[in-house]
Protein backbone atom coordinates (compact mmCIF):
# COMPACT_ATOMS: atom_id res chain seq x y z
CA MET A 1 30.35 -51.02 -34.79
CA PHE A 2 32.81 -49.65 -32.43
CA TYR A 3 34.95 -48.34 -35.04
CA GLY A 4 31.55 -46.24 -36.54
CA LEU A 5 30.90 -45.32 -33.55
CA SER A 6 34.31 -43.74 -32.62
CA LYS A 7 34.61 -42.37 -36.19
CA LEU A 8 31.11 -40.51 -35.80
CA LEU A 9 32.24 -39.17 -32.43
CA LYS A 10 35.55 -38.13 -33.87
CA ASP A 11 33.62 -36.05 -36.56
CA ILE A 12 30.69 -34.28 -34.14
CA LEU A 13 33.37 -33.03 -31.41
CA PRO A 14 35.35 -30.05 -31.94
CA LYS A 15 39.03 -30.27 -33.06
CA GLN A 16 40.46 -27.56 -31.21
CA LEU A 17 41.90 -27.71 -27.77
CA PHE A 18 39.30 -25.41 -25.79
CA TYR A 19 36.43 -26.64 -26.95
CA ARG A 20 37.27 -30.08 -25.91
CA SER A 21 38.44 -28.72 -22.68
CA LEU A 22 34.89 -26.73 -22.27
CA ILE A 23 33.19 -29.64 -23.01
CA ILE A 24 34.95 -31.83 -20.45
CA VAL A 25 34.39 -29.05 -17.60
CA ALA A 26 30.88 -28.12 -18.76
CA SER A 27 29.22 -31.80 -19.28
CA PRO A 28 29.58 -32.93 -15.90
CA ILE A 29 27.52 -29.35 -14.79
CA ILE A 30 24.92 -30.19 -17.18
CA ILE A 31 24.36 -33.51 -16.48
CA MET A 32 24.52 -32.87 -12.99
CA GLN A 33 21.74 -29.75 -13.46
CA ILE A 34 19.67 -32.03 -15.45
CA THR A 35 19.80 -35.00 -13.16
CA ILE A 36 18.38 -32.48 -10.46
CA SER A 37 16.30 -31.12 -11.95
CA ILE A 38 14.34 -34.35 -12.93
CA VAL A 39 14.40 -35.78 -9.57
CA PHE A 40 12.93 -32.14 -8.22
CA LEU A 41 10.41 -32.15 -10.61
CA ASP A 42 9.44 -35.99 -9.94
CA SER A 43 10.06 -36.14 -6.31
CA LEU A 44 8.74 -32.47 -4.92
CA TRP A 45 7.31 -30.43 -7.76
CA ILE A 46 4.94 -33.26 -9.32
CA LYS A 47 3.97 -34.71 -6.13
CA THR A 48 3.67 -31.22 -4.21
CA ASN A 49 1.48 -29.95 -7.34
CA LYS A 50 -0.69 -33.15 -7.02
CA GLY A 51 -1.39 -33.19 -3.46
CA MET A 52 -2.22 -29.48 -3.91
CA THR A 53 -4.87 -30.41 -6.59
CA LYS A 54 -5.95 -33.53 -4.79
CA ALA A 55 -6.92 -31.19 -1.73
CA LEU A 56 -8.42 -28.33 -4.02
CA VAL A 57 -10.77 -31.22 -5.80
CA ASN A 58 -11.45 -32.56 -1.92
CA GLU A 59 -12.69 -28.99 -1.06
CA ILE A 60 -15.13 -28.54 -4.06
CA SER A 61 -16.41 -32.57 -3.61
CA THR A 62 -16.98 -31.12 0.03
CA PHE A 63 -18.94 -27.76 -0.74
CA VAL A 64 -21.09 -29.91 -3.48
CA GLU A 65 -21.90 -32.46 -0.94
CA VAL A 66 -22.83 -29.79 2.15
CA TYR A 67 -24.52 -27.75 -0.69
CA ASN A 68 -26.68 -30.75 -1.73
CA ASN A 69 -27.61 -30.83 2.20
CA GLU A 70 -31.20 -29.67 2.79
CA ASN A 71 -30.14 -28.60 6.38
CA TYR A 72 -27.83 -25.83 5.95
CA ASP A 73 -28.36 -22.61 4.30
CA LYS A 74 -26.65 -22.45 0.90
CA GLN A 75 -25.58 -18.94 0.49
CA GLU A 76 -23.95 -18.89 4.09
CA ILE A 77 -22.12 -22.14 2.58
CA THR A 78 -20.95 -20.18 -0.28
CA ASN A 79 -20.15 -17.54 1.62
CA LEU A 80 -18.17 -19.53 3.87
CA PHE A 81 -16.41 -21.63 1.06
CA SER A 82 -15.27 -18.03 -0.63
CA LEU A 83 -14.00 -16.71 2.67
CA TYR A 84 -11.65 -19.35 4.15
CA GLN A 85 -11.17 -21.51 1.40
CA ASP A 86 -10.38 -18.63 -1.20
CA LEU A 87 -12.94 -20.13 -3.64
CA ASN A 88 -14.70 -17.69 -5.91
CA ILE A 89 -17.94 -19.54 -6.30
CA GLU A 90 -21.45 -18.92 -8.70
CA PHE A 91 -24.08 -21.35 -9.42
CA ILE A 92 -25.39 -20.36 -12.93
CA GLN A 93 -28.66 -21.77 -14.26
CA ASP A 94 -28.16 -23.83 -17.66
CA LYS A 95 -29.52 -26.73 -18.72
CA ASN A 96 -27.19 -27.51 -21.68
CA PHE A 97 -23.84 -27.92 -19.64
CA ASN A 98 -21.08 -28.08 -22.32
CA TYR A 99 -18.15 -30.53 -20.85
CA ASN A 100 -16.18 -31.06 -23.66
CA PHE A 101 -12.51 -28.88 -23.65
CA ASP A 102 -9.20 -28.62 -24.56
CA GLU A 103 -7.11 -31.28 -23.39
CA ARG A 104 -3.73 -30.25 -22.82
CA TRP A 105 -1.79 -33.56 -22.26
CA PHE A 106 1.60 -31.44 -22.52
CA SER A 107 0.55 -29.28 -19.27
CA PRO A 108 1.56 -30.90 -16.01
CA ILE A 109 -1.35 -28.47 -14.16
CA ASP A 110 -4.01 -29.78 -16.67
CA ARG A 111 -2.97 -33.60 -16.09
CA THR A 112 -3.05 -33.60 -12.49
CA LEU A 113 -6.59 -31.72 -12.57
CA ARG A 114 -8.33 -33.97 -15.10
CA ARG A 115 -6.80 -36.98 -13.40
CA GLU A 116 -8.03 -35.57 -9.84
CA LEU A 117 -11.28 -34.81 -11.20
CA LYS A 118 -11.87 -38.11 -13.06
CA LEU A 119 -11.72 -39.65 -9.37
CA ARG A 120 -14.66 -37.47 -8.18
CA PHE A 121 -16.65 -36.71 -10.88
CA SER A 122 -17.90 -38.52 -14.22
CA SER A 123 -16.08 -37.01 -17.27
CA GLU A 124 -19.78 -35.27 -18.06
CA GLU A 125 -19.72 -33.68 -15.12
CA PHE A 126 -16.94 -31.36 -14.73
CA TRP A 127 -15.23 -28.42 -16.88
CA PHE A 128 -11.69 -26.27 -16.65
CA ASN A 129 -9.63 -23.66 -18.41
CA THR A 130 -6.34 -22.92 -17.53
CA THR A 131 -5.19 -20.18 -19.73
CA ASN A 132 -8.65 -18.11 -19.79
CA TYR A 133 -7.20 -16.05 -16.75
CA LYS A 134 -3.74 -15.32 -16.06
CA GLU A 135 -3.89 -15.95 -12.08
CA LEU A 136 -6.80 -17.91 -12.09
CA ILE A 137 -8.29 -21.46 -13.08
CA ASP A 138 -12.04 -21.45 -14.57
CA LEU A 139 -13.41 -24.88 -13.43
CA ARG A 140 -16.79 -25.56 -13.47
CA ILE A 141 -19.05 -28.78 -11.67
CA LYS A 142 -22.20 -29.71 -13.16
CA TYR A 143 -25.14 -29.53 -10.28
CA GLN A 144 -28.99 -30.64 -11.33
CA THR A 145 -30.40 -27.56 -13.54
CA GLY A 146 -27.03 -25.73 -14.05
CA TYR A 147 -23.39 -25.53 -13.04
CA PHE A 148 -20.82 -24.36 -10.44
CA LYS A 149 -18.37 -22.12 -11.42
CA PHE A 150 -15.31 -21.75 -9.11
CA LEU A 151 -12.26 -19.51 -10.06
CA VAL A 152 -9.78 -20.72 -8.40
CA PRO A 153 -6.22 -19.09 -7.67
CA ARG A 154 -3.62 -21.02 -9.70
CA ASP A 155 -0.81 -21.01 -6.69
CA ARG A 156 -3.63 -23.57 -5.14
CA VAL A 157 -2.70 -26.53 -7.48
CA THR A 158 1.10 -25.51 -8.30
CA SER A 159 3.89 -24.50 -6.45
CA SER A 160 5.83 -21.03 -7.30
CA SER A 161 9.05 -22.35 -5.78
CA ALA A 162 9.53 -24.27 -9.17
CA ARG A 163 10.42 -20.63 -10.70
CA ILE A 164 12.78 -20.07 -8.37
CA PHE A 165 14.71 -23.58 -7.77
CA ALA A 166 15.21 -22.95 -12.04
CA LEU A 167 16.52 -19.83 -11.26
CA TRP A 168 18.97 -20.71 -8.64
CA ILE A 169 20.14 -23.84 -10.52
CA THR A 170 20.34 -22.09 -13.60
CA LEU A 171 22.59 -19.00 -12.70
CA PRO A 172 24.97 -20.87 -10.58
CA ALA A 173 25.81 -23.21 -13.40
CA LEU A 174 26.25 -20.74 -15.99
CA LEU A 175 28.58 -18.85 -13.47
CA VAL A 176 31.11 -21.80 -13.38
CA ILE A 177 30.91 -22.21 -16.99
CA PHE A 178 32.00 -18.95 -17.45
CA ILE A 179 34.54 -19.02 -14.78
CA ALA A 180 35.82 -22.24 -16.82
CA ILE A 181 35.72 -20.27 -20.19
CA LEU A 182 38.02 -17.40 -18.79
CA PHE A 183 40.12 -20.22 -16.62
CA LEU A 184 40.31 -22.38 -20.48
CA LYS A 185 41.34 -19.40 -22.26
CA ASN A 186 44.24 -18.33 -20.00
CA GLN A 187 45.50 -21.92 -20.25
CA THR A 188 45.54 -22.41 -23.68
CA ARG A 189 46.70 -18.90 -24.80
CA PRO A 190 50.18 -19.98 -24.10
CA ILE A 191 49.56 -23.16 -26.21
CA ILE A 192 48.42 -21.51 -29.28
CA LYS A 193 51.68 -19.03 -28.95
CA LEU A 194 53.77 -21.87 -28.59
CA ALA A 195 51.97 -23.64 -32.08
CA GLU A 196 52.46 -19.99 -33.40
CA ALA A 197 56.01 -19.61 -32.42
CA SER A 198 56.64 -23.61 -33.82
CA GLU A 199 55.16 -22.48 -37.25
CA LYS A 200 57.32 -19.27 -37.61
CA PHE A 201 60.34 -21.16 -37.09
CA GLY A 202 59.55 -23.96 -39.21
CA LYS A 203 58.96 -20.75 -42.18
CA GLY A 204 61.97 -19.28 -40.90
CA GLU A 205 60.57 -16.42 -39.65
CA ASP A 206 62.15 -14.32 -36.73
CA VAL A 207 60.69 -15.42 -33.15
CA GLU A 208 62.46 -13.52 -30.84
CA ASP A 209 59.80 -11.91 -29.38
CA TYR A 210 58.13 -16.00 -27.83
CA ARG A 211 58.17 -16.30 -24.26
CA PRO A 212 57.24 -19.28 -22.29
CA SER A 213 54.20 -18.86 -20.18
CA GLY A 214 51.24 -20.52 -18.16
CA ALA A 215 50.95 -24.14 -16.24
CA LEU A 216 54.70 -25.81 -15.31
CA GLU A 217 54.22 -28.30 -18.52
CA ILE A 218 53.46 -25.50 -20.91
CA ARG A 219 56.46 -23.50 -19.43
CA LYS A 220 58.68 -26.21 -19.91
CA ALA A 221 57.65 -27.36 -23.36
CA GLY A 222 58.05 -23.56 -24.25
CA PHE A 223 61.66 -23.71 -22.63
CA GLU A 224 62.69 -26.56 -24.65
CA PHE A 225 61.47 -25.44 -27.73
CA GLU A 226 63.74 -22.03 -27.11
CA ARG A 227 66.44 -24.40 -26.22
CA MET A 228 66.05 -26.46 -29.59
CA ARG A 229 65.29 -23.51 -31.81
CA LYS A 230 68.76 -21.95 -30.56
CA ARG A 231 70.67 -25.05 -31.20
CA ILE A 232 69.18 -25.49 -34.70
CA PHE A 233 69.77 -22.04 -35.75
CA ARG A 234 73.73 -22.28 -33.76
CA HIS A 235 74.08 -25.26 -35.93
CA LEU A 236 73.23 -23.64 -39.30
CA ASN A 237 75.36 -20.54 -38.57
CA GLN A 238 78.41 -22.76 -37.79
CA ARG A 239 77.44 -24.92 -40.94
CA SER A 240 76.81 -21.72 -42.94
CA GLU A 241 79.79 -20.14 -41.48
CA MET A 242 82.28 -23.20 -42.29
CA LEU A 243 81.48 -23.31 -45.68
CA SER A 244 81.13 -19.96 -46.78
CA GLY A 245 85.05 -19.67 -45.31
CA ILE A 246 86.06 -22.84 -46.91
CA SER A 247 84.70 -21.16 -50.38
CA HIS A 248 86.06 -18.06 -49.71
CA ASP A 249 89.33 -19.61 -48.97
CA LEU A 250 89.39 -21.72 -52.09
CA ARG A 251 89.12 -17.92 -54.11
CA THR A 252 92.97 -17.46 -53.49
CA PRO A 253 94.61 -20.77 -54.83
CA LEU A 254 91.55 -20.35 -57.83
CA THR A 255 93.14 -16.82 -58.74
CA ARG A 256 96.69 -18.25 -58.52
CA MET A 257 95.67 -21.13 -60.94
CA LYS A 258 94.53 -18.57 -63.13
CA LEU A 259 97.40 -16.36 -63.21
CA GLN A 260 99.46 -19.89 -63.95
CA LEU A 261 97.25 -20.81 -66.34
CA ALA A 262 97.45 -17.61 -68.16
CA LEU A 263 101.58 -18.29 -68.45
CA ILE A 264 100.84 -21.44 -69.83
CA LYS A 265 102.05 -21.74 -73.97
CA ASP A 266 100.08 -24.24 -75.20
CA LYS A 267 96.38 -22.15 -75.60
CA SER A 268 94.67 -25.24 -76.05
CA ILE A 269 95.01 -26.92 -72.61
CA SER A 270 94.66 -23.64 -70.74
CA GLU A 271 91.56 -22.82 -72.19
CA LYS A 272 90.14 -26.31 -70.93
CA LEU A 273 91.75 -25.87 -67.58
CA LEU A 274 90.32 -22.42 -67.51
CA LYS A 275 86.81 -23.19 -68.28
CA ASP A 276 87.08 -25.69 -65.35
CA VAL A 277 88.53 -22.91 -63.02
CA ASP A 278 85.63 -20.54 -63.94
CA GLU A 279 83.28 -23.12 -63.15
CA MET A 280 84.57 -23.89 -59.69
CA GLU A 281 84.80 -20.21 -59.53
CA LYS A 282 81.08 -19.32 -60.38
CA MET A 283 80.60 -22.90 -58.04
CA LEU A 284 81.91 -20.81 -55.10
CA ASN A 285 80.55 -17.37 -55.57
CA GLU A 286 76.74 -19.02 -56.19
CA TYR A 287 76.74 -20.96 -53.37
CA LEU A 288 78.45 -17.74 -51.36
CA GLN A 289 75.71 -15.41 -52.32
CA PHE A 290 73.08 -17.97 -51.36
CA SER A 291 74.34 -18.73 -47.93
CA LYS A 292 75.08 -15.06 -47.32
CA SER A 293 71.66 -14.25 -48.09
CA ASN A 294 69.85 -17.34 -46.41
CA TYR A 295 70.59 -15.67 -42.94
CA VAL A 296 70.91 -11.95 -43.28
CA GLU A 297 67.72 -11.35 -44.85
CA LYS A 298 64.56 -10.63 -42.61
CA GLY A 299 61.16 -11.99 -43.10
CA GLU A 300 58.48 -8.98 -44.61
CA LYS A 301 55.22 -8.97 -46.09
CA PHE A 302 55.55 -7.89 -50.09
CA ASN A 303 53.23 -8.04 -53.04
CA LEU A 304 53.93 -11.42 -54.78
CA SER A 305 52.06 -10.99 -57.87
CA LYS A 306 54.01 -7.85 -58.43
CA LEU A 307 56.99 -9.45 -57.96
CA ILE A 308 56.45 -12.73 -60.12
CA PHE A 309 55.26 -9.69 -63.04
CA GLU A 310 58.59 -7.37 -62.68
CA ILE A 311 60.58 -11.04 -62.79
CA VAL A 312 58.51 -11.97 -66.34
CA ASP A 313 58.95 -8.52 -67.68
CA ASN A 314 62.54 -8.38 -66.92
CA TYR A 315 63.37 -11.38 -69.31
CA LYS A 316 61.69 -8.74 -72.56
CA ASN A 317 60.33 -11.85 -74.41
CA CYS A 318 57.15 -12.79 -75.98
CA LYS A 319 57.57 -16.78 -74.97
CA ILE A 320 56.65 -16.39 -71.21
CA ASN A 321 52.92 -16.19 -70.57
CA GLU A 322 51.87 -14.91 -67.14
CA VAL A 323 48.44 -15.62 -65.55
CA GLN A 324 47.03 -13.96 -62.48
CA ASN A 325 43.57 -13.49 -61.14
CA HIS A 326 44.22 -11.12 -58.18
CA GLU A 327 46.98 -9.57 -55.90
CA ILE A 328 48.61 -11.38 -53.31
CA TYR A 329 50.79 -10.95 -50.48
CA PHE A 330 52.75 -13.21 -48.74
CA THR A 331 54.92 -12.87 -46.02
CA GLY A 332 58.89 -14.23 -46.09
CA ARG A 333 62.08 -13.30 -47.39
CA LYS A 334 61.46 -11.60 -50.65
CA ASN A 335 65.03 -11.82 -52.25
CA LEU A 336 64.79 -15.48 -51.91
CA ILE A 337 61.65 -16.11 -53.20
CA GLN A 338 62.61 -13.84 -56.23
CA ARG A 339 66.12 -15.76 -56.58
CA CYS A 340 63.77 -19.15 -56.68
CA ILE A 341 61.77 -17.92 -59.05
CA ILE A 342 64.40 -16.86 -61.30
CA ASN A 343 66.26 -20.09 -60.89
CA ILE A 344 63.07 -22.09 -62.01
CA ILE A 345 62.29 -19.62 -65.15
CA ASN A 346 65.95 -19.72 -66.13
CA ASN A 347 66.02 -23.47 -66.15
CA ALA A 348 62.79 -23.40 -68.37
CA ASN A 349 64.16 -20.64 -70.58
CA ASN A 350 67.23 -22.58 -71.23
CA PHE A 351 65.40 -25.79 -73.23
CA ALA A 352 61.95 -24.45 -74.02
CA GLU A 353 60.25 -21.94 -76.63
CA GLU A 354 57.00 -21.11 -74.47
CA ILE A 355 56.65 -20.94 -70.32
CA SER A 356 53.83 -20.56 -68.78
CA VAL A 357 53.35 -18.90 -64.96
CA ASN A 358 50.74 -19.33 -63.05
CA LEU A 359 50.02 -17.80 -59.41
CA ARG A 360 46.52 -18.19 -57.90
CA LYS A 361 45.48 -18.93 -53.83
CA ILE A 362 43.41 -21.74 -53.02
CA LYS A 363 42.11 -21.45 -49.41
CA ASN A 364 45.24 -21.33 -47.07
CA ASN A 365 47.91 -22.06 -49.62
CA ILE A 366 49.48 -19.98 -52.42
CA ILE A 367 49.94 -21.80 -55.49
CA ILE A 368 52.67 -20.95 -58.26
CA ILE A 369 52.67 -23.42 -61.37
CA ILE A 370 55.90 -22.82 -63.93
CA GLU A 371 55.59 -25.01 -67.38
CA ASP A 372 57.11 -25.13 -70.35
CA ASN A 373 57.17 -27.03 -73.42
CA GLY A 374 61.02 -28.39 -73.15
CA PRO A 375 62.02 -31.71 -73.37
CA GLY A 376 61.41 -32.52 -69.60
CA ILE A 377 63.26 -34.43 -67.65
CA PRO A 378 62.11 -38.45 -66.86
CA GLU A 379 59.97 -39.40 -63.95
CA ASN A 380 62.88 -41.14 -62.11
CA GLU A 381 64.96 -38.12 -62.15
CA TYR A 382 62.66 -35.98 -60.06
CA ASP A 383 64.04 -36.03 -56.63
CA ASN A 384 67.23 -36.06 -57.86
CA VAL A 385 67.24 -32.86 -59.62
CA PHE A 386 67.10 -31.01 -56.11
CA LYS A 387 70.51 -32.61 -54.77
CA PRO A 388 73.33 -29.90 -54.83
CA PHE A 389 75.26 -30.25 -57.72
CA TYR A 390 73.68 -32.89 -59.74
CA LYS A 391 73.27 -32.36 -63.55
CA ILE A 392 71.31 -34.38 -66.13
CA ASP A 393 72.55 -35.12 -69.26
CA LYS A 394 69.46 -36.73 -70.69
CA SER A 395 66.51 -35.11 -72.38
CA ARG A 396 67.99 -32.03 -72.11
CA ASN A 397 70.70 -30.68 -73.34
CA GLN A 398 74.06 -30.10 -70.79
CA ASN A 399 73.93 -26.20 -70.07
CA LYS A 400 77.69 -25.57 -69.33
CA SER A 401 77.07 -22.18 -67.21
CA SER A 402 75.41 -24.16 -64.72
CA VAL A 403 76.73 -25.35 -62.03
CA GLY A 404 73.84 -27.85 -60.42
CA LEU A 405 72.64 -25.49 -57.24
CA GLY A 406 69.68 -24.05 -59.09
CA MET A 407 66.87 -26.30 -58.18
CA SER A 408 68.19 -27.49 -54.98
CA ILE A 409 68.56 -23.43 -53.37
CA ALA A 410 65.03 -23.03 -54.98
CA SER A 411 63.82 -26.25 -52.99
CA ASP A 412 65.69 -25.07 -49.89
CA ILE A 413 64.14 -21.74 -50.34
CA ILE A 414 60.78 -22.93 -50.19
CA LYS A 415 61.20 -25.32 -47.50
CA SER A 416 62.70 -22.88 -45.09
CA HIS A 417 59.40 -20.58 -45.86
CA GLY A 418 56.72 -23.79 -45.01
CA GLY A 419 56.18 -25.01 -48.45
CA ASN A 420 56.83 -27.79 -50.89
CA ILE A 421 58.10 -27.30 -54.61
CA GLU A 422 56.97 -30.93 -56.81
CA LEU A 423 57.53 -31.46 -60.02
CA GLY A 424 55.39 -33.28 -62.91
CA LYS A 425 54.28 -33.14 -66.76
CA ALA A 426 53.34 -30.03 -67.96
CA ASN A 427 50.23 -29.29 -69.86
CA LEU A 428 52.44 -27.93 -72.49
CA GLY A 429 54.76 -30.96 -73.13
CA GLY A 430 57.71 -30.25 -70.96
CA LEU A 431 58.35 -29.97 -67.33
CA LYS A 432 56.06 -28.43 -64.94
CA VAL A 433 57.13 -26.82 -61.41
CA LYS A 434 54.69 -26.45 -58.63
CA ILE A 435 55.41 -24.45 -55.62
CA SER A 436 52.84 -24.45 -52.59
CA LEU A 437 53.80 -21.77 -49.98
CA PRO A 438 51.36 -21.08 -46.88
CA SER A 439 49.34 -17.55 -46.97
C-alpha cells in the first residue's frame, strides 16, 4: 500500500528541482490561506450574516404584528419602518399567493434567509428572490387577502468585508509566491549551468566559459567540478603526450631496422621481417594521428547527413546502400566522427558484399546503424573487439593491413561525445554496428 502511494506521488510530483522547490514554498502558504479563509467564513462571515439576517426577519415579524394591531395607523407604521429600518414596504392585494420559489442551496444568503424565515413563518407564508435585483432582495410575506412586498438592501443580510478580506488575503499570497519564483529561479540557475557544463565536458566539448555562482554549497560544487575537469584534462594530455612521444621516438629505431633489413642478402627473411616492421610503423602512425586529432580539434555544429553522404560517395561502389530521412545536424568534432564512421565502413567493406548505412533521429538521440552481409563475429567477441590491438582470427579472414585499433578508436570517439556504440546481428546476416549520439 505504502509502496503504491509512494510511486503515485513520484509520478505526480514534477521532476525538476525548480518546481519541486516551488511546491515546498507555495504549499504552506496555500494551506495557511485556505485555513484562514475557512475559519473566517465559519466564525466571522457566516455568523455575522446569520445575525444580520435574524435581525432583518425579526424586524419584518415586528412590522407584521404591529401592522395587525388596530390601535396604530397602518400607513404611519409603514412610513416609520421604511424610514428608520430602510425597508421598502408595499401591500399587494392577491388572494392567490404563490409561495413556490427556486431554492438555491448553494447560496449561503438563501440558506440563512430561508432558515430564519421558517422560524417565524410557515413555509406557505413567505417567498423571496435574491437574483431579481442586483442590490435588493425581493421578500414577500402573506397577510390576510394579499401579501407584503419588502425590497431589502442586500447589505442588510450580508457583510461586504468578505470581498475585501478575500482581496487582502489573496494579493499578499500571490506576491509572496511571485517573489519565491524569482528567488528560486536565481537559486536553480547555477545548478542548471553546472549540469550543462558537466554534460558538455562528458561529450568532450569546451567548457571554458563556465564560472561557479549561486549559493555557497553550489559554488563549492562548481569549484570542485572545475578542479576535477582540469585534473582529468591534464592527465589525458600527459598520457597522450607521453604515448605520442614514445611512438615518435620509436620511429628512429624502426627506420634503422628498415635500412639494416635492406642490406640482408637473404630476401625471404628480409621480406618477412620488413612486413613486421611496416605493421609496427603503421600502428604507430595510426595512434599518433588519433592522439593528435583527439585533443586539438574543437567541437562544431555540422551537417551529419551530408558528412555520411560524402563518406559513402567516396567509396564509389554500388554495394553500400545509404538511407536518410532528412538532414540531421550534430555538435561535435567533425573529423573524429568522420574517422569513426570510415573505420566501421572499412571493416564492413573488407568482408562483405552488401553494406547498409541508416541515419535517423529518435527523440533526443541520433542513431547511425551500419550493417553488412559478411561472416560477422561471435557474440562472445562483441566486447573484445573494442580492446586496443585486438584481432579476431575466427569467422573473419585476418586483414593484414589492420593493426587492431579501428574499433577501439571508434568506441573512444563515440564515448567522448557522450554516445554509445553496440554490436549485434544484422538483418543482412552479418554484423550490425549501432551508434547512438545525443542530439
